[in-house]
């Protein structure tokens, strides 16, 4: 799949896949000098880029596992979605879940993006949903072992 990308700044970094088998490409912070996310804090970071996503697709913004595991830095909203009709600069909302400040350096790989196909639904209101083996059993219904 080919997708159009726009650099909002000449020195913005175009995302790259880091390995042949990588599902996600890395998004980099577009900042001019190091910025601190205080312990327990949140901060939005520009990426310097925008994309034109084909209709029927979304760009999912996800945490990088290394940042989460080693530094306790994750995405504020879990997984972010860039919709196909958005044409602005992408930003990444980072949350420092750790007990120490975290420094984001210019050009640091702060998140990953994955392009995913989705379906739009047409709602059909009904009085009753069909039965299933699980039915309405909710959280934790299968136990821990």
Protein backbone atom coordinates (compact mmCIF):
# COMPACT_ATOMS: atom_id res chain seq x y z
CA UNK A 1 0.00 0.00 0.00
CA UNK A 2 1.22 3.48 -0.79
CA UNK A 3 0.22 6.41 1.39
CA UNK A 4 0.83 10.13 0.99
CA UNK A 5 2.86 11.85 3.71
CA UNK A 6 3.56 15.54 4.28
CA UNK A 7 6.43 17.03 6.24
CA UNK A 8 5.26 20.14 8.07
CA UNK A 9 8.90 21.03 8.72
CA UNK A 10 11.87 20.37 6.45
CA UNK A 11 13.75 18.40 9.11
CA UNK A 12 10.78 16.25 10.23
CA UNK A 13 11.51 12.51 10.21
CA UNK A 14 9.52 10.23 7.90
CA UNK A 15 8.52 7.05 9.79
CA UNK A 16 10.45 3.84 9.14
CA UNK A 17 9.99 0.17 9.90
CA UNK A 18 12.98 -0.93 11.99
CA UNK A 19 13.00 -4.61 10.90
CA UNK A 20 11.69 -6.66 7.98
CA UNK A 21 9.00 -8.29 10.14
CA UNK A 22 7.87 -5.15 11.97
CA UNK A 23 4.12 -4.50 11.83
CA UNK A 24 4.55 -0.94 13.09
CA UNK A 25 6.65 2.00 11.94
CA UNK A 26 8.23 4.37 14.44
CA UNK A 27 7.02 7.92 14.95
CA UNK A 28 9.57 10.46 16.14
CA UNK A 29 9.23 13.50 18.38
CA UNK A 30 9.57 16.75 16.47
CA UNK A 31 11.14 19.02 19.08
CA UNK A 32 14.14 21.34 18.91
CA UNK A 33 15.55 20.60 22.38
CA UNK A 34 15.02 17.95 25.06
CA UNK A 35 11.69 18.11 26.88
CA UNK A 36 10.83 16.57 30.23
CA UNK A 37 7.72 14.60 31.06
CA UNK A 38 7.60 14.83 34.85
CA UNK A 39 6.92 11.71 36.92
CA UNK A 40 3.18 11.09 36.69
CA UNK A 41 2.85 13.77 34.01
CA UNK A 42 1.55 13.90 30.46
CA UNK A 43 2.70 15.81 27.41
CA UNK A 44 1.73 16.08 23.73
CA UNK A 45 4.53 15.80 21.18
CA UNK A 46 4.39 16.89 17.57
CA UNK A 47 5.68 14.48 14.93
CA UNK A 48 6.20 17.04 12.17
CA UNK A 49 4.24 14.92 9.70
CA UNK A 50 0.73 14.40 8.41
CA UNK A 51 -0.68 11.61 6.28
CA UNK A 52 -3.49 11.00 3.82
CA UNK A 53 -5.01 7.70 4.91
CA UNK A 54 -7.19 5.88 2.36
CA UNK A 55 -10.89 5.66 3.17
CA UNK A 56 -11.70 2.46 5.07
CA UNK A 57 -8.40 2.58 6.97
CA UNK A 58 -7.13 4.18 10.16
CA UNK A 59 -3.65 4.82 11.48
CA UNK A 60 -3.37 3.42 15.00
CA UNK A 61 -0.84 5.09 17.29
CA UNK A 62 0.52 2.64 19.85
CA UNK A 63 3.06 2.65 22.67
CA UNK A 64 6.56 1.36 22.03
CA UNK A 65 7.08 -1.66 24.25
CA UNK A 66 10.66 -0.68 25.16
CA UNK A 67 9.57 2.75 26.42
CA UNK A 68 6.76 1.19 28.43
CA UNK A 69 8.84 -1.63 29.93
CA UNK A 70 12.11 0.20 30.59
CA UNK A 71 10.87 3.74 31.27
CA UNK A 72 7.16 3.42 32.19
CA UNK A 73 6.22 5.77 29.35
CA UNK A 74 3.02 4.90 27.48
CA UNK A 75 0.31 6.53 25.42
CA UNK A 76 -2.20 8.48 27.47
CA UNK A 77 -5.19 7.13 25.54
CA UNK A 78 -4.00 3.53 25.11
CA UNK A 79 -4.28 3.42 21.34
CA UNK A 80 -4.83 6.61 19.39
CA UNK A 81 -6.64 6.72 16.06
CA UNK A 82 -5.86 8.98 13.13
CA UNK A 83 -8.96 9.00 10.91
CA UNK A 84 -8.87 8.96 7.11
CA UNK A 85 -10.28 12.50 6.88
CA UNK A 86 -7.69 14.12 9.20
CA UNK A 87 -5.03 16.14 7.37
CA UNK A 88 -3.27 17.92 10.22
CA UNK A 89 0.02 17.26 11.95
CA UNK A 90 -0.01 14.06 13.98
CA UNK A 91 0.72 14.36 17.68
CA UNK A 92 1.46 11.73 20.31
CA UNK A 93 0.11 11.98 23.88
CA UNK A 94 2.68 10.46 26.21
CA UNK A 95 2.19 9.63 29.88
CA UNK A 96 5.02 9.04 32.31
CA UNK A 97 3.74 6.35 34.68
CA UNK A 98 7.09 6.19 36.46
CA UNK A 99 8.38 7.79 39.63
CA UNK A 100 11.19 9.69 37.86
CA UNK A 101 11.14 12.39 35.19
CA UNK A 102 11.62 11.17 31.62
CA UNK A 103 13.53 13.16 29.01
CA UNK A 104 12.37 13.08 25.39
CA UNK A 105 15.19 13.96 23.01
CA UNK A 106 14.74 15.54 19.55
CA UNK A 107 14.06 12.82 16.98
CA UNK A 108 13.44 10.15 19.64
CA UNK A 109 11.20 7.29 18.54
CA UNK A 110 8.24 7.83 20.87
CA UNK A 111 5.42 5.71 19.42
CA UNK A 112 4.61 3.31 16.64
CA UNK A 113 1.96 3.47 13.96
CA UNK A 114 0.02 0.67 12.30
CA UNK A 115 -2.34 1.10 9.38
CA UNK A 116 -5.46 -1.01 9.86
CA UNK A 117 -8.57 -1.65 7.79
CA UNK A 118 -11.91 -1.18 9.50
CA UNK A 119 -15.58 -1.71 8.73
CA UNK A 120 -18.34 0.83 9.29
CA UNK A 121 -21.53 -0.64 10.64
CA UNK A 122 -25.18 0.05 10.09
CA UNK A 123 -27.05 -0.37 13.37
CA UNK A 124 -30.13 -2.59 13.49
CA UNK A 125 -32.05 -2.08 16.71
CA UNK A 126 -33.59 -5.28 18.11
CA UNK A 127 -35.55 -6.25 21.22
CA UNK A 128 -33.34 -9.27 22.01
CA UNK A 129 -29.83 -10.44 21.10
CA UNK A 130 -29.23 -14.09 20.20
CA UNK A 131 -28.06 -16.51 22.91
CA UNK A 132 -24.47 -17.79 23.12
CA UNK A 133 -22.49 -20.06 25.44
CA UNK A 134 -21.09 -17.01 27.22
CA UNK A 135 -24.30 -14.99 27.13
CA UNK A 136 -24.03 -11.99 29.50
CA UNK A 137 -21.19 -13.30 31.69
CA UNK A 138 -18.76 -10.41 31.95
CA UNK A 139 -15.44 -9.49 33.53
CA UNK A 140 -13.45 -12.46 34.83
CA UNK A 141 -16.06 -15.06 33.98
CA UNK A 142 -13.43 -17.65 32.90
CA UNK A 143 -11.35 -17.34 36.09
CA UNK A 144 -7.56 -17.16 36.35
CA UNK A 145 -6.58 -20.78 35.64
